[in-house]
Amino acid sequence: MLVEDDQEENSQPRNTKASHLDFDWDNPCAARHFSPANSARAIHWFAVHRAAKEHLKLSFRAEGNVFTALTVRNLHVVPTGPAAIEVAEAEYIHAEYNLFSLIRGHADFLSSIETRTPTWSSIPGKCGCKLRRARAKR
């Protein structure tokens, strides 16, 4: 009996793979996953791939914190196929917002937005949005 108890206490765990991610927030290596540089890369990757689905080529540089403020520099959007826009460009866009208010559906999530030299040209006939006409009051 004593030999069996000793073997059980010193045995290795059977499943060494973690079934979920467990971050140690005191560890600076774990906190780097949510650094501004990594979040800006994630925003860039998501925006470029989403624009490609809409037949648009998107290029820009993102800076800042995804949760509170984001700065976009040298934004250039051009169509690669049938799209509703001809060209969209901006030298600088800075938006301050509250991401958690946006997720909760609050209308006052946007604090401020600043743009420099924005240019937008669209093709009205190719716009995918449907306009509803207001009904006349009787």
Protein backbone atom coordinates (compact mmCIF):
# COMPACT_ATOMS: atom_id res chain seq x y z
CA MET A 1 0.00 0.00 0.00
CA LEU A 2 2.77 2.46 0.82
CA VAL A 3 4.52 1.86 -2.48
CA GLU A 4 1.29 2.48 -4.45
CA ASP A 5 0.56 5.76 -2.63
CA ASP A 6 4.10 6.99 -3.29
CA GLN A 7 3.83 6.17 -7.00
CA GLU A 8 0.54 8.05 -7.34
CA GLU A 9 1.92 11.17 -5.67
CA ASN A 10 5.05 11.29 -7.85
CA SER A 11 3.39 10.35 -11.13
CA GLN A 12 3.19 12.80 -14.02
CA PRO A 13 -0.20 14.21 -15.09
CA ARG A 14 -1.75 12.36 -18.00
CA ASN A 15 -2.97 15.34 -20.00
CA THR A 16 -0.37 18.10 -20.15
CA LYS A 17 -2.13 20.20 -22.82
CA ALA A 18 -4.16 23.15 -21.55
CA SER A 19 -7.78 23.10 -22.66
CA HIS A 20 -8.10 26.90 -22.37
CA LEU A 21 -5.90 29.98 -22.40
CA ASP A 22 -4.91 31.17 -18.95
CA PHE A 23 -3.11 34.51 -18.84
CA ASP A 24 -1.00 35.62 -15.91
CA TRP A 25 -1.57 39.40 -15.97
CA ASP A 26 1.41 40.04 -13.70
CA ASN A 27 3.69 38.55 -16.35
CA PRO A 28 4.77 41.22 -18.90
CA CYS A 29 5.11 38.55 -21.60
CA ALA A 30 1.41 37.67 -21.28
CA ALA A 31 0.35 41.33 -21.31
CA ARG A 32 2.10 41.95 -24.64
CA HIS A 33 -0.66 40.06 -26.47
CA PHE A 34 -2.88 43.10 -25.92
CA SER A 35 -0.27 45.76 -26.66
CA PRO A 36 -1.20 48.69 -28.91
CA ALA A 37 1.10 47.39 -31.66
CA ASN A 38 -0.56 43.98 -31.72
CA SER A 39 -4.07 45.43 -31.61
CA ALA A 40 -3.21 47.80 -34.48
CA ARG A 41 -1.95 44.82 -36.50
CA ALA A 42 -5.18 42.95 -35.80
CA ILE A 43 -7.27 45.95 -36.92
CA HIS A 44 -5.18 46.27 -40.10
CA TRP A 45 -5.49 42.58 -40.93
CA PHE A 46 -9.25 42.52 -40.30
CA ALA A 47 -9.91 45.71 -42.31
CA VAL A 48 -7.82 44.62 -45.31
CA HIS A 49 -9.48 41.19 -45.48
CA ARG A 50 -12.98 42.63 -45.04
CA ALA A 51 -12.35 45.21 -47.79
CA ALA A 52 -11.06 42.47 -50.11
CA LYS A 53 -14.44 40.72 -49.80
CA GLU A 54 -16.05 43.94 -51.08
CA HIS A 55 -13.63 44.12 -54.07
CA LEU A 56 -11.57 46.92 -52.53
CA LYS A 57 -7.84 47.30 -52.03
CA LEU A 58 -7.16 48.99 -48.70
CA SER A 59 -3.86 50.35 -47.46
CA PHE A 60 -3.27 52.36 -44.29
CA ARG A 61 -1.25 52.54 -41.08
CA ALA A 62 -3.11 52.14 -37.78
CA GLU A 63 -1.87 53.44 -34.44
CA GLY A 64 -3.29 53.68 -30.96
CA ASN A 65 -5.38 51.67 -28.57
CA VAL A 66 -8.31 49.71 -29.99
CA PHE A 67 -10.39 50.18 -26.83
CA THR A 68 -10.34 54.00 -26.58
CA ALA A 69 -8.75 55.79 -29.56
CA LEU A 70 -7.49 54.85 -33.00
CA THR A 71 -5.44 56.82 -35.51
CA VAL A 72 -5.35 55.90 -39.21
CA ARG A 73 -2.69 57.47 -41.41
CA ASN A 74 -2.35 57.44 -45.21
CA LEU A 75 -5.65 55.71 -45.97
CA HIS A 76 -6.06 54.67 -49.62
CA VAL A 77 -9.00 52.65 -50.94
CA VAL A 78 -9.34 51.67 -54.61
CA PRO A 79 -11.70 49.16 -56.23
CA THR A 80 -10.33 45.89 -57.61
CA GLY A 81 -13.64 44.86 -59.16
CA PRO A 82 -17.24 46.01 -59.22
CA ALA A 83 -17.62 48.32 -56.21
CA ALA A 84 -19.70 51.31 -55.15
CA ILE A 85 -16.71 53.64 -54.71
CA GLU A 86 -14.19 54.99 -57.16
CA VAL A 87 -11.60 56.18 -54.65
CA ALA A 88 -11.34 57.05 -50.96
CA GLU A 89 -8.32 58.70 -49.38
CA ALA A 90 -7.42 60.47 -46.16
CA GLU A 91 -4.11 61.67 -44.82
CA TYR A 92 -5.11 61.45 -41.14
CA ILE A 93 -8.13 60.15 -39.21
CA HIS A 94 -8.23 60.15 -35.41
CA ALA A 95 -11.26 58.84 -33.52
CA GLU A 96 -11.81 58.75 -29.77
CA TYR A 97 -14.53 56.38 -28.62
CA ASN A 98 -15.55 53.85 -26.00
CA LEU A 99 -15.54 50.33 -27.45
CA PHE A 100 -17.56 48.86 -24.61
CA SER A 101 -20.33 51.46 -25.11
CA LEU A 102 -20.39 50.56 -28.81
CA ILE A 103 -20.71 46.86 -28.01
CA ARG A 104 -23.55 47.60 -25.56
CA GLY A 105 -25.35 49.62 -28.26
CA HIS A 106 -25.10 53.08 -26.68
CA ALA A 107 -25.47 55.93 -29.15
CA ASP A 108 -22.91 58.14 -27.39
CA PHE A 109 -19.91 55.85 -27.89
CA LEU A 110 -18.07 58.35 -30.14
CA SER A 111 -16.29 61.19 -28.29
CA SER A 112 -14.57 62.93 -31.20
CA ILE A 113 -13.32 62.39 -34.73
CA GLU A 114 -10.75 64.44 -36.63
CA THR A 115 -9.83 64.11 -40.31
CA ARG A 116 -7.30 65.80 -42.59
CA THR A 117 -7.68 65.91 -46.38
CA PRO A 118 -10.45 63.33 -46.81
CA THR A 119 -11.51 62.53 -50.38
CA TRP A 120 -14.40 60.25 -51.25
CA SER A 121 -15.90 59.49 -54.64
CA SER A 122 -18.76 57.02 -55.00
CA ILE A 123 -20.87 55.67 -57.84
CA PRO A 124 -24.54 56.18 -56.90
CA GLY A 125 -25.90 53.52 -59.25
CA LYS A 126 -23.77 50.78 -57.69
CA CYS A 127 -24.62 51.57 -54.10
CA GLY A 128 -25.95 48.46 -52.38
CA CYS A 129 -28.14 50.39 -49.96
CA LYS A 130 -31.89 50.65 -50.40
CA LEU A 131 -33.53 53.97 -49.68
CA ARG A 132 -36.93 53.93 -48.06
CA ARG A 133 -39.34 56.67 -48.95
CA ALA A 134 -41.17 58.31 -46.12
CA ARG A 135 -44.89 57.69 -46.16
CA ALA A 136 -47.07 60.72 -46.56
CA LYS A 137 -49.09 61.51 -43.45
CA ARG A 138 -52.83 61.45 -44.04
